[in-house]
Amino acid sequence: MQKKARNPALQLSLGAVEIVENHRPYTNRQKFEYLCQQNPSLLTLADKLGLEVDH
């Protein structure tokens, strides 16, 4: 590339960029699972109250 550009001072550097996908919960089940990841005691509370998450 230096020869084609006729510029010996030309430098090229490459790097990788990590792409982070932001997945938002959509269904009631996904929302509940997301909240349980944030606060595991929520699952215990739902069990004690006999609550079921809609599918």
N, C-alpha and C. Protein backbone atom coordinates (compact mmCIF):
# COMPACT_ATOMS: atom_id res chain seq x y z
N MET A 1 0.83 -1.18 0.00
CA MET A 1 0.00 0.00 0.00
C MET A 1 0.88 1.26 0.00
N GLN A 2 2.01 1.18 0.69
CA GLN A 2 2.91 2.33 0.71
C GLN A 2 3.45 2.60 -0.69
N LYS A 3 3.72 1.53 -1.46
CA LYS A 3 4.26 1.71 -2.80
C LYS A 3 3.20 2.30 -3.74
N LYS A 4 1.96 1.82 -3.64
CA LYS A 4 0.89 2.32 -4.51
C LYS A 4 0.58 3.78 -4.22
N ALA A 5 0.62 4.16 -2.96
CA ALA A 5 0.32 5.53 -2.58
C ALA A 5 1.55 6.43 -2.72
N ARG A 6 2.70 5.79 -2.91
CA ARG A 6 3.98 6.52 -3.02
C ARG A 6 4.22 7.39 -1.79
N ASN A 7 3.92 6.78 -0.63
CA ASN A 7 4.09 7.49 0.62
C ASN A 7 4.63 6.49 1.65
N PRO A 8 5.97 6.50 1.89
CA PRO A 8 6.54 5.53 2.81
C PRO A 8 6.11 5.76 4.27
N ALA A 9 5.58 6.92 4.59
CA ALA A 9 5.16 7.22 5.96
C ALA A 9 3.74 6.73 6.24
N LEU A 10 3.10 6.19 5.23
CA LEU A 10 1.72 5.72 5.37
C LEU A 10 1.67 4.48 6.26
N GLN A 11 0.80 4.51 7.27
CA GLN A 11 0.63 3.38 8.17
C GLN A 11 -0.85 3.02 8.24
N LEU A 12 -1.11 1.75 8.40
CA LEU A 12 -2.48 1.27 8.47
C LEU A 12 -2.62 0.45 9.75
N SER A 13 -3.63 0.74 10.51
CA SER A 13 -3.87 -0.05 11.72
C SER A 13 -5.33 -0.52 11.70
N LEU A 14 -5.52 -1.76 12.13
CA LEU A 14 -6.85 -2.37 12.16
C LEU A 14 -7.21 -2.72 13.59
N GLY A 15 -8.47 -2.67 13.88
CA GLY A 15 -8.93 -3.04 15.21
C GLY A 15 -10.30 -3.67 15.11
N ALA A 16 -10.68 -4.38 16.13
CA ALA A 16 -11.99 -5.03 16.18
C ALA A 16 -12.89 -4.26 17.14
N VAL A 17 -14.14 -4.19 16.78
CA VAL A 17 -15.12 -3.51 17.61
C VAL A 17 -16.18 -4.53 18.01
N GLU A 18 -16.44 -4.62 19.29
CA GLU A 18 -17.45 -5.54 19.79
C GLU A 18 -18.83 -4.90 19.67
N ILE A 19 -19.75 -5.60 19.06
CA ILE A 19 -21.10 -5.11 18.91
C ILE A 19 -21.96 -5.75 19.99
N VAL A 20 -22.56 -4.90 20.79
CA VAL A 20 -23.41 -5.39 21.88
C VAL A 20 -24.86 -5.13 21.48
N GLU A 21 -25.61 -6.21 21.42
CA GLU A 21 -27.01 -6.10 21.03
C GLU A 21 -27.86 -5.92 22.28
N ASN A 22 -28.65 -4.89 22.28
CA ASN A 22 -29.53 -4.61 23.41
C ASN A 22 -30.87 -5.28 23.14
N HIS A 23 -31.10 -6.40 23.84
CA HIS A 23 -32.32 -7.15 23.65
C HIS A 23 -33.31 -6.76 24.73
N ARG A 24 -34.44 -6.17 24.32
CA ARG A 24 -35.47 -5.78 25.27
C ARG A 24 -36.50 -6.89 25.39
N PRO A 25 -36.90 -7.23 26.61
CA PRO A 25 -37.93 -8.25 26.78
C PRO A 25 -39.25 -7.79 26.16
N TYR A 26 -39.93 -8.71 25.49
CA TYR A 26 -41.16 -8.36 24.79
C TYR A 26 -42.38 -9.03 25.42
N THR A 27 -42.30 -10.33 25.60
CA THR A 27 -43.45 -11.06 26.16
C THR A 27 -43.44 -10.97 27.68
N ASN A 28 -44.56 -11.34 28.27
CA ASN A 28 -44.64 -11.34 29.74
C ASN A 28 -43.63 -12.29 30.34
N ARG A 29 -43.44 -13.45 29.71
CA ARG A 29 -42.47 -14.43 30.20
C ARG A 29 -41.06 -13.84 30.16
N GLN A 30 -40.69 -13.19 29.05
CA GLN A 30 -39.36 -12.58 28.92
C GLN A 30 -39.16 -11.47 29.95
N LYS A 31 -40.20 -10.68 30.17
CA LYS A 31 -40.11 -9.60 31.16
C LYS A 31 -39.89 -10.17 32.56
N PHE A 32 -40.65 -11.23 32.90
CA PHE A 32 -40.53 -11.84 34.22
C PHE A 32 -39.14 -12.45 34.40
N GLU A 33 -38.63 -13.15 33.38
CA GLU A 33 -37.30 -13.75 33.47
C GLU A 33 -36.23 -12.68 33.63
N TYR A 34 -36.39 -11.57 32.92
CA TYR A 34 -35.43 -10.46 33.02
C TYR A 34 -35.44 -9.90 34.45
N LEU A 35 -36.64 -9.69 34.99
CA LEU A 35 -36.74 -9.15 36.34
C LEU A 35 -36.18 -10.13 37.38
N CYS A 36 -36.37 -11.43 37.14
CA CYS A 36 -35.83 -12.43 38.06
C CYS A 36 -34.31 -12.45 38.03
N GLN A 37 -33.72 -12.14 36.89
CA GLN A 37 -32.26 -12.04 36.81
C GLN A 37 -31.77 -10.86 37.64
N GLN A 38 -32.55 -9.80 37.65
CA GLN A 38 -32.17 -8.61 38.41
C GLN A 38 -32.40 -8.82 39.91
N ASN A 39 -33.47 -9.57 40.25
CA ASN A 39 -33.83 -9.78 41.65
C ASN A 39 -34.37 -11.20 41.81
N PRO A 40 -33.52 -12.17 42.14
CA PRO A 40 -33.93 -13.57 42.24
C PRO A 40 -35.03 -13.84 43.26
N SER A 41 -35.17 -12.99 44.25
CA SER A 41 -36.21 -13.21 45.26
C SER A 41 -37.61 -13.01 44.67
N LEU A 42 -37.72 -12.42 43.52
CA LEU A 42 -39.00 -12.25 42.85
C LEU A 42 -39.61 -13.61 42.49
N LEU A 43 -38.79 -14.56 42.11
CA LEU A 43 -39.26 -15.91 41.79
C LEU A 43 -39.84 -16.58 43.04
N THR A 44 -39.17 -16.41 44.16
CA THR A 44 -39.66 -16.95 45.43
C THR A 44 -40.99 -16.32 45.80
N LEU A 45 -41.11 -15.03 45.64
CA LEU A 45 -42.35 -14.33 45.95
C LEU A 45 -43.49 -14.82 45.07
N ALA A 46 -43.24 -14.97 43.79
CA ALA A 46 -44.27 -15.45 42.86
C ALA A 46 -44.72 -16.86 43.24
N ASP A 47 -43.78 -17.72 43.66
CA ASP A 47 -44.11 -19.08 44.08
C ASP A 47 -44.97 -19.06 45.35
N LYS A 48 -44.60 -18.24 46.31
CA LYS A 48 -45.35 -18.18 47.58
C LYS A 48 -46.76 -17.64 47.37
N LEU A 49 -46.92 -16.74 46.42
CA LEU A 49 -48.25 -16.18 46.14
C LEU A 49 -49.05 -17.03 45.17
N GLY A 50 -48.40 -18.04 44.59
CA GLY A 50 -49.08 -18.91 43.64
C GLY A 50 -49.36 -18.24 42.31
N LEU A 51 -48.51 -17.34 41.91
CA LEU A 51 -48.69 -16.61 40.65
C LEU A 51 -48.05 -17.37 39.50
N GLU A 52 -48.68 -17.27 38.33
CA GLU A 52 -48.14 -17.87 37.12
C GLU A 52 -47.95 -16.79 36.08
N VAL A 53 -46.89 -16.89 35.34
CA VAL A 53 -46.61 -15.92 34.29
C VAL A 53 -47.31 -16.38 33.02
N ASP A 54 -47.98 -15.45 32.33
CA ASP A 54 -48.66 -15.80 31.07
C ASP A 54 -47.65 -16.25 30.04
N HIS A 55 -47.99 -17.23 29.26
CA HIS A 55 -47.09 -17.74 28.21
C HIS A 55 -47.38 -17.05 26.92
